[in-house]
C-alpha atoms as a PDB file:
ATOM      1  CA  GLY A   1      -4.346  -2.053  -7.177  1.00  0.00           C
ATOM      2  CA  SER A   2      -2.575  -0.134  -4.416  1.00  0.00           C
ATOM      3  CA  ILE A   3      -4.442   3.083  -5.273  1.00  0.00           C
ATOM      4  CA  ILE A   4      -7.780   1.352  -4.759  1.00  0.00           C
ATOM      5  CA  ALA A   5      -6.555  -0.366  -1.595  1.00  0.00           C
ATOM      6  CA  ALA A   6      -5.361   2.965  -0.154  1.00  0.00           C
ATOM      7  CA  TRP A   7      -8.737   4.614  -0.878  1.00  0.00           C
ATOM      8  CA  GLY A   8      -7.368   8.059   0.033  1.00  0.00           C
ATOM      9  CA  LEU A   9      -7.425   7.256   3.737  1.00  0.00           C
ATOM     10  CA  GLY A  10      -3.845   8.311   4.423  1.00  0.00           C
ATOM     11  CA  ALA A  11      -4.491  11.911   3.378  1.00  0.00           C
ATOM     12  CA  LEU A  12      -7.772  11.943   5.271  1.00  0.00           C
ATOM     13  CA  LEU A  13      -6.065  10.565   8.395  1.00  0.00           C
ATOM     14  CA  VAL A  14      -3.485  13.363   8.305  1.00  0.00           C
ATOM     15  CA  ARG A  15      -6.100  16.045   7.674  1.00  0.00           C
ATOM     16  CA  GLU A  16      -8.368  14.915  10.486  1.00  0.00           C
ATOM     17  CA  THR A  17      -5.785  14.176  13.179  1.00  0.00           C
ATOM     18  CA  ALA A  18      -2.749  16.430  12.639  1.00  0.00           C
ATOM     19  CA  ALA A  19      -4.248  19.227  14.749  1.00  0.00           C
ATOM     20  CA  ARG A  20      -6.076  16.849  17.113  1.00  0.00           C
ATOM     21  CA  ARG A  21      -3.610  14.043  17.812  1.00  0.00           C
ATOM     22  CA  GLU A  22      -5.763  12.649  20.604  1.00  0.00           C
ATOM     23  CA  LYS A  23      -8.195  11.464  17.888  1.00  0.00           C
ATOM     24  CA  PHE A  24      -5.470   9.601  16.027  1.00  0.00           C
ATOM     25  CA  PRO A  25      -5.970   6.170  17.688  1.00  0.00           C
ATOM     26  CA  HIS A  26      -9.715   6.182  16.918  1.00  0.00           C
ATOM     27  CA  TYR A  27      -9.215   7.165  13.277  1.00  0.00           C
ATOM     28  CA  PHE A  28      -6.217   4.908  12.823  1.00  0.00           C
ATOM     29  CA  SER A  29      -7.809   1.735  14.213  1.00  0.00           C
ATOM     30  CA  ASN A  30     -10.945   2.178  12.122  1.00  0.00           C
ATOM     31  CA  TYR A  31      -8.945   3.043   9.007  1.00  0.00           C
ATOM     32  CA  LEU A  32      -6.976  -0.171   9.461  1.00  0.00           C
ATOM     33  CA  ILE A  33     -10.266  -2.087   9.352  1.00  0.00           C
ATOM     34  CA  ILE A  34     -11.401  -0.227   6.221  1.00  0.00           C
ATOM     35  CA  ARG A  35      -8.087  -0.829   4.492  1.00  0.00           C
ATOM     36  CA  PHE A  36      -8.080  -4.489   5.490  1.00  0.00           C
ATOM     37  CA  LEU A  37     -11.455  -5.086   3.839  1.00  0.00           C
ATOM     38  CA  ILE A  38     -10.655  -3.063   0.719  1.00  0.00           C
ATOM     39  CA  ARG A  39      -7.224  -4.611   0.228  1.00  0.00           C
ATOM     40  CA  LEU A  40      -8.605  -8.127   0.596  1.00  0.00           C
ATOM     41  CA  LEU A  41     -11.072  -7.416  -2.195  1.00  0.00           C
ATOM     42  CA  VAL A  42      -8.461  -5.785  -4.425  1.00  0.00           C
ATOM     43  CA  SER A  43      -5.945  -8.593  -3.924  1.00  0.00           C
ATOM     44  CA  PHE A  44      -8.615 -11.201  -4.601  1.00  0.00           C
ATOM     45  CA  PHE A  45      -9.635  -9.527  -7.876  1.00  0.00           C
ATOM     46  CA  VAL A  46      -6.027  -9.073  -9.045  1.00  0.00           C
ATOM     47  CA  ILE A  47      -5.301 -12.745  -8.339  1.00  0.00           C
ATOM     48  CA  LEU A  48      -8.528 -13.784 -10.042  1.00  0.00           C
ATOM     49  CA  LEU A  49      -7.701 -11.627 -13.056  1.00  0.00           C
ATOM     50  CA  GLY A  50      -4.181 -13.054 -13.239  1.00  0.00           C
ATOM     51  CA  TRP A  51      -5.480 -16.609 -13.304  1.00  0.00           C
ATOM     52  CA  THR A  52      -8.374 -16.039 -15.720  1.00  0.00           C
ATOM     53  CA  LEU A  53      -6.729 -13.960 -18.430  1.00  0.00           C
ATOM     54  CA  PRO A  54      -5.626 -16.122 -21.339  1.00  0.00           C
ATOM     55  CA  ASN A  55      -2.095 -16.491 -22.708  1.00  0.00           C
ATOM     56  CA  TYR A  56      -0.169 -16.167 -19.446  1.00  0.00           C
ATOM     57  CA  GLU A  57       2.483 -18.714 -18.543  1.00  0.00           C
ATOM     58  CA  CYS A  58       2.259 -20.380 -15.148  1.00  0.00           C
ATOM     59  CA  VAL A  59       5.268 -18.457 -13.802  1.00  0.00           C
ATOM     60  CA  THR A  60       3.571 -15.179 -14.779  1.00  0.00           C
ATOM     61  CA  ARG A  61       0.345 -16.194 -13.050  1.00  0.00           C
ATOM     62  CA  TRP A  62       2.241 -17.065  -9.864  1.00  0.00           C
ATOM     63  CA  SER A  63       4.179 -13.801 -10.053  1.00  0.00           C
ATOM     64  CA  ILE A  64       0.912 -11.864 -10.342  1.00  0.00           C
ATOM     65  CA  THR A  65      -0.426 -13.776  -7.336  1.00  0.00           C
ATOM     66  CA  ILE A  66       2.643 -13.011  -5.234  1.00  0.00           C
ATOM     67  CA  LEU A  67       2.669  -9.336  -6.275  1.00  0.00           C
ATOM     68  CA  ALA A  68      -1.054  -9.099  -5.483  1.00  0.00           C
ATOM     69  CA  LEU A  69      -0.152 -10.112  -1.952  1.00  0.00           C
ATOM     70  CA  CYS A  70       2.056  -6.995  -1.850  1.00  0.00           C
ATOM     71  CA  ILE A  71      -1.064  -4.805  -2.171  1.00  0.00           C
ATOM     72  CA  PRO A  72      -2.170  -5.295   1.443  1.00  0.00           C
ATOM     73  CA  LEU A  73       1.378  -4.725   2.659  1.00  0.00           C
ATOM     74  CA  THR A  74       1.895  -1.481   0.741  1.00  0.00           C
ATOM     75  CA  ALA A  75      -1.571  -0.156   1.576  1.00  0.00           C
ATOM     76  CA  THR A  76      -1.052  -0.848   5.264  1.00  0.00           C
ATOM     77  CA  SER A  77       2.484   0.579   5.209  1.00  0.00           C
ATOM     78  CA  SER A  78       1.229   3.793   3.659  1.00  0.00           C
ATOM     79  CA  LEU A  79      -1.368   4.140   6.411  1.00  0.00           C
ATOM     80  CA  PHE A  80       1.339   3.644   9.043  1.00  0.00           C
ATOM     81  CA  GLN A  81       3.470   6.131   7.110  1.00  0.00           C
ATOM     82  CA  SER A  82       0.670   8.677   7.506  1.00  0.00           C
ATOM     83  CA  ALA A  83       1.195   8.440  11.256  1.00  0.00           C
ATOM     84  CA  PHE A  84       4.646   9.934  10.724  1.00  0.00           C
ATOM     85  CA  PHE A  85       3.049  12.925   9.017  1.00  0.00           C
ATOM     86  CA  VAL A  86       0.557  13.358  11.851  1.00  0.00           C
ATOM     87  CA  PHE A  87       3.333  13.292  14.448  1.00  0.00           C
ATOM     88  CA  GLU A  88       5.644  15.373  12.226  1.00  0.00           C
ATOM     89  CA  LYS A  89       8.400  12.785  11.996  1.00  0.00           C
ATOM     90  CA  LEU A  90       9.111  13.400   8.314  1.00  0.00           C
ATOM     91  CA  LYS A  91      12.867  12.799   8.470  1.00  0.00           C
ATOM     92  CA  LEU A  92      12.274   9.288   9.745  1.00  0.00           C
ATOM     93  CA  THR A  93       9.710   8.341   7.103  1.00  0.00           C
ATOM     94  CA  CYS A  94      11.885   9.867   4.361  1.00  0.00           C
ATOM     95  CA  LEU A  95      14.870   7.862   5.561  1.00  0.00           C
ATOM     96  CA  ILE A  96      12.835   4.644   5.643  1.00  0.00           C
ATOM     97  CA  SER A  97      11.412   5.333   2.158  1.00  0.00           C
ATOM     98  CA  ILE A  98      14.792   6.158   0.624  1.00  0.00           C
ATOM     99  CA  LEU A  99      16.512   3.113   2.131  1.00  0.00           C
ATOM    100  CA  ALA A 100      13.641   0.781   1.230  1.00  0.00           C
ATOM    101  CA  THR A 101      13.492   2.055  -2.363  1.00  0.00           C
ATOM    102  CA  ALA A 102      17.260   1.784  -2.789  1.00  0.00           C
ATOM    103  CA  PHE A 103      17.206  -1.750  -1.384  1.00  0.00           C
ATOM    104  CA  ARG A 104      14.327  -2.767  -3.673  1.00  0.00           C
ATOM    105  CA  ILE A 105      16.059  -1.324  -6.754  1.00  0.00           C
ATOM    106  CA  LEU A 106      19.422  -2.877  -5.931  1.00  0.00           C
ATOM    107  CA  GLY A 107      17.923  -6.247  -5.013  1.00  0.00           C
ATOM    108  CA  THR A 108      15.745  -6.369  -8.116  1.00  0.00           C
ATOM    109  CA  TYR A 109      18.691  -5.421 -10.314  1.00  0.00           C
ATOM    110  CA  LEU A 110      20.888  -8.119  -8.784  1.00  0.00           C
ATOM    111  CA  ILE A 111      18.184 -10.768  -9.186  1.00  0.00           C
ATOM    112  CA  ILE A 112      17.527  -9.808 -12.818  1.00  0.00           C
ATOM    113  CA  SER A 113      21.193  -9.572 -13.755  1.00  0.00           C
ATOM    114  CA  LYS A 114      22.338 -12.794 -12.051  1.00  0.00           C
ATOM    115  CA  MET A 115      19.499 -15.247 -12.673  1.00  0.00           C
ATOM    116  CA  ILE A 116      17.808 -16.962 -15.546  1.00  0.00           C
ATOM    117  CA  ASN A 117      14.023 -16.477 -15.605  1.00  0.00           C
ATOM    118  CA  PRO A 118      13.979 -14.189 -12.537  1.00  0.00           C
ATOM    119  CA  LEU A 119      10.320 -13.068 -12.610  1.00  0.00           C
ATOM    120  CA  LEU A 120       9.107 -15.277  -9.762  1.00  0.00           C
ATOM    121  CA  LYS A 121      12.192 -14.508  -7.666  1.00  0.00           C
ATOM    122  CA  VAL A 122      11.673 -10.750  -8.111  1.00  0.00           C
ATOM    123  CA  ALA A 123       8.044 -11.121  -7.007  1.00  0.00           C
ATOM    124  CA  TRP A 124       9.071 -13.017  -3.856  1.00  0.00           C
ATOM    125  CA  PHE A 125      11.801 -10.454  -3.159  1.00  0.00           C
ATOM    126  CA  GLN A 126       9.280  -7.601  -3.403  1.00  0.00           C
ATOM    127  CA  LEU A 127       6.886  -9.408  -1.051  1.00  0.00           C
ATOM    128  CA  VAL A 128       9.600  -9.963   1.563  1.00  0.00           C
ATOM    129  CA  VAL A 129      10.815  -6.352   1.336  1.00  0.00           C
ATOM    130  CA  PHE A 130       7.286  -4.934   1.644  1.00  0.00           C
ATOM    131  CA  ALA A 131       6.644  -7.174   4.660  1.00  0.00           C
ATOM    132  CA  PHE A 132       9.851  -5.918   6.272  1.00  0.00           C
ATOM    133  CA  ILE A 133       8.937  -2.275   5.567  1.00  0.00           C
ATOM    134  CA  LEU A 134       5.528  -2.821   7.164  1.00  0.00           C
ATOM    135  CA  ALA A 135       7.164  -4.399  10.217  1.00  0.00           C
ATOM    136  CA  VAL A 136       9.446  -1.375  10.596  1.00  0.00           C
ATOM    137  CA  TYR A 137       6.521   1.048  10.346  1.00  0.00           C
ATOM    138  CA  VAL A 138       4.453  -0.969  12.826  1.00  0.00           C
ATOM    139  CA  ALA A 139       7.274  -1.115  15.366  1.00  0.00           C
ATOM    140  CA  ILE A 140       7.977   2.604  15.194  1.00  0.00           C
ATOM    141  CA  THR A 141       4.326   3.689  15.085  1.00  0.00           C
ATOM    142  CA  CYS A 142       3.525   1.651  18.187  1.00  0.00           C
ATOM    143  CA  ARG A 143       5.710   4.078  20.145  1.00  0.00           C
ATOM    144  CA  TYR A 144       3.103   6.766  19.434  1.00  0.00           C
ATOM    145  CA  LEU A 145       0.195   4.488  20.251  1.00  0.00           C
ATOM    146  CA  SER A 146       1.363   3.155  23.594  1.00  0.00           C
ATOM    147  CA  ARG A 147      -2.106   3.488  25.177  1.00  0.00           C
ATOM    148  CA  TRP A 148      -3.983   2.605  22.029  1.00  0.00           C
ATOM    149  CA  GLN A 149      -7.232   0.699  22.345  1.00  0.00           C
ATOM    150  CA  ALA A 150      -8.851  -0.228  19.050  1.00  0.00           C
ATOM    151  CA  LYS A 151     -12.578   0.347  18.986  1.00  0.00           C
ATOM    152  CA  LEU A 152     -14.740  -0.616  16.028  1.00  0.00           C
ATOM    153  CA  ASP A 153     -17.160   2.157  15.076  1.00  0.00           C
ATOM    154  CA  ARG A 154     -19.320   1.089  12.114  1.00  0.00           C
ATOM    155  CA  THR A 155     -21.034   4.440  11.643  1.00  0.00           C
ATOM    156  CA  PHE A 156     -17.678   6.190  11.663  1.00  0.00           C
ATOM    157  CA  ILE A 157     -16.270   3.690   9.148  1.00  0.00           C
ATOM    158  CA  THR A 158     -19.175   4.267   6.749  1.00  0.00           C
ATOM    159  CA  GLU A 159     -18.815   8.050   7.012  1.00  0.00           C
ATOM    160  CA  GLN A 160     -15.063   7.897   6.427  1.00  0.00           C
ATOM    161  CA  VAL A 161     -15.327   5.635   3.374  1.00  0.00           C
ATOM    162  CA  ILE A 162     -17.692   8.178   1.817  1.00  0.00           C
ATOM    163  CA  GLU A 163     -15.553  11.143   2.872  1.00  0.00           C
ATOM    164  CA  ALA A 164     -12.413   9.542   1.407  1.00  0.00           C
ATOM    165  CA  VAL A 165     -13.891   9.228  -2.112  1.00  0.00           C
ATOM    166  CA  PRO A 166     -12.527  12.611  -3.339  1.00  0.00           C
ATOM    167  CA  PHE A 167      -9.044  11.704  -2.050  1.00  0.00           C
ATOM    168  CA  PHE A 168      -9.267   8.347  -3.816  1.00  0.00           C
ATOM    169  CA  LEU A 169     -10.425   9.945  -7.070  1.00  0.00           C
ATOM    170  CA  TYR A 170      -7.624  12.501  -6.937  1.00  0.00           C
ATOM    171  CA  ALA A 171      -5.009   9.769  -6.377  1.00  0.00           C
ATOM    172  CA  ALA A 172      -6.489   7.638  -9.177  1.00  0.00           C
ATOM    173  CA  ILE A 173      -6.531  10.555 -11.643  1.00  0.00           C
ATOM    174  CA  MET A 174      -2.959  11.560 -10.749  1.00  0.00           C
ATOM    175  CA  THR A 175      -1.797   7.968 -11.191  1.00  0.00           C
ATOM    176  CA  LEU A 176      -3.481   7.752 -14.593  1.00  0.00           C
ATOM    177  CA  GLU A 177      -2.026  11.097 -15.600  1.00  0.00           C
ATOM    178  CA  ASN A 178       1.465  10.030 -14.565  1.00  0.00           C
ATOM    179  CA  ARG A 179       1.154   6.660 -16.293  1.00  0.00           C
ATOM    180  CA  VAL A 180      -0.783   7.630 -19.435  1.00  0.00           C
ATOM    181  CA  ASP A 181       2.273   6.956 -21.608  1.00  0.00           C
ATOM    182  CA  VAL A 182       2.622   3.400 -20.271  1.00  0.00           C
ATOM    183  CA  ILE A 183      -1.119   2.769 -20.722  1.00  0.00           C
ATOM    184  CA  LEU A 184      -1.107   4.061 -24.305  1.00  0.00           C
ATOM    185  CA  ILE A 185       1.999   2.105 -25.245  1.00  0.00           C
ATOM    186  CA  SER A 186       0.591  -1.113 -23.763  1.00  0.00           C
ATOM    187  CA  LEU A 187      -2.649  -0.683 -25.726  1.00  0.00           C
ATOM    188  CA  PHE A 188      -0.856  -0.396 -29.053  1.00  0.00           C
ATOM    189  CA  MET A 189       1.962  -2.912 -28.624  1.00  0.00           C
END
């Protein structure tokens, strides 16, 4: 779901604004709108799928719903993360990513090892962590957008959605390639 919600816009944002940082606010504000619409659709369909597929227990359905709410958070965080690439603040984004991943792994491990039936608790934990990560990225990115004025540009949005398709396809193919073993195993088990 996150691959679809990202739609390749992070890579396109970096490509288009790294050399022309003055264009960053225009691209960024419109990309936020694009991502918002896409991620709402993706989250809705994941939630719908989770509640309509047969043979799922209620706790599993609720866990899918909660994790689907993570899609907008991760897609938005990755767009904010792209701002770090544009402004060449890679040490900061690497530090945030490493700490966030370590915290998620440790927290998930502790929940699984210490609780009975932890699925729903793990889902809530992931949602809270992703919300915190987004808040950190927003706070830091706002330093670079101190005079930012969002301006909706519908023609620009349409052009960028079309231009991002190759980036989206590349990300989708790479994800499938990296997860082909999991997909094959799940089909035959």
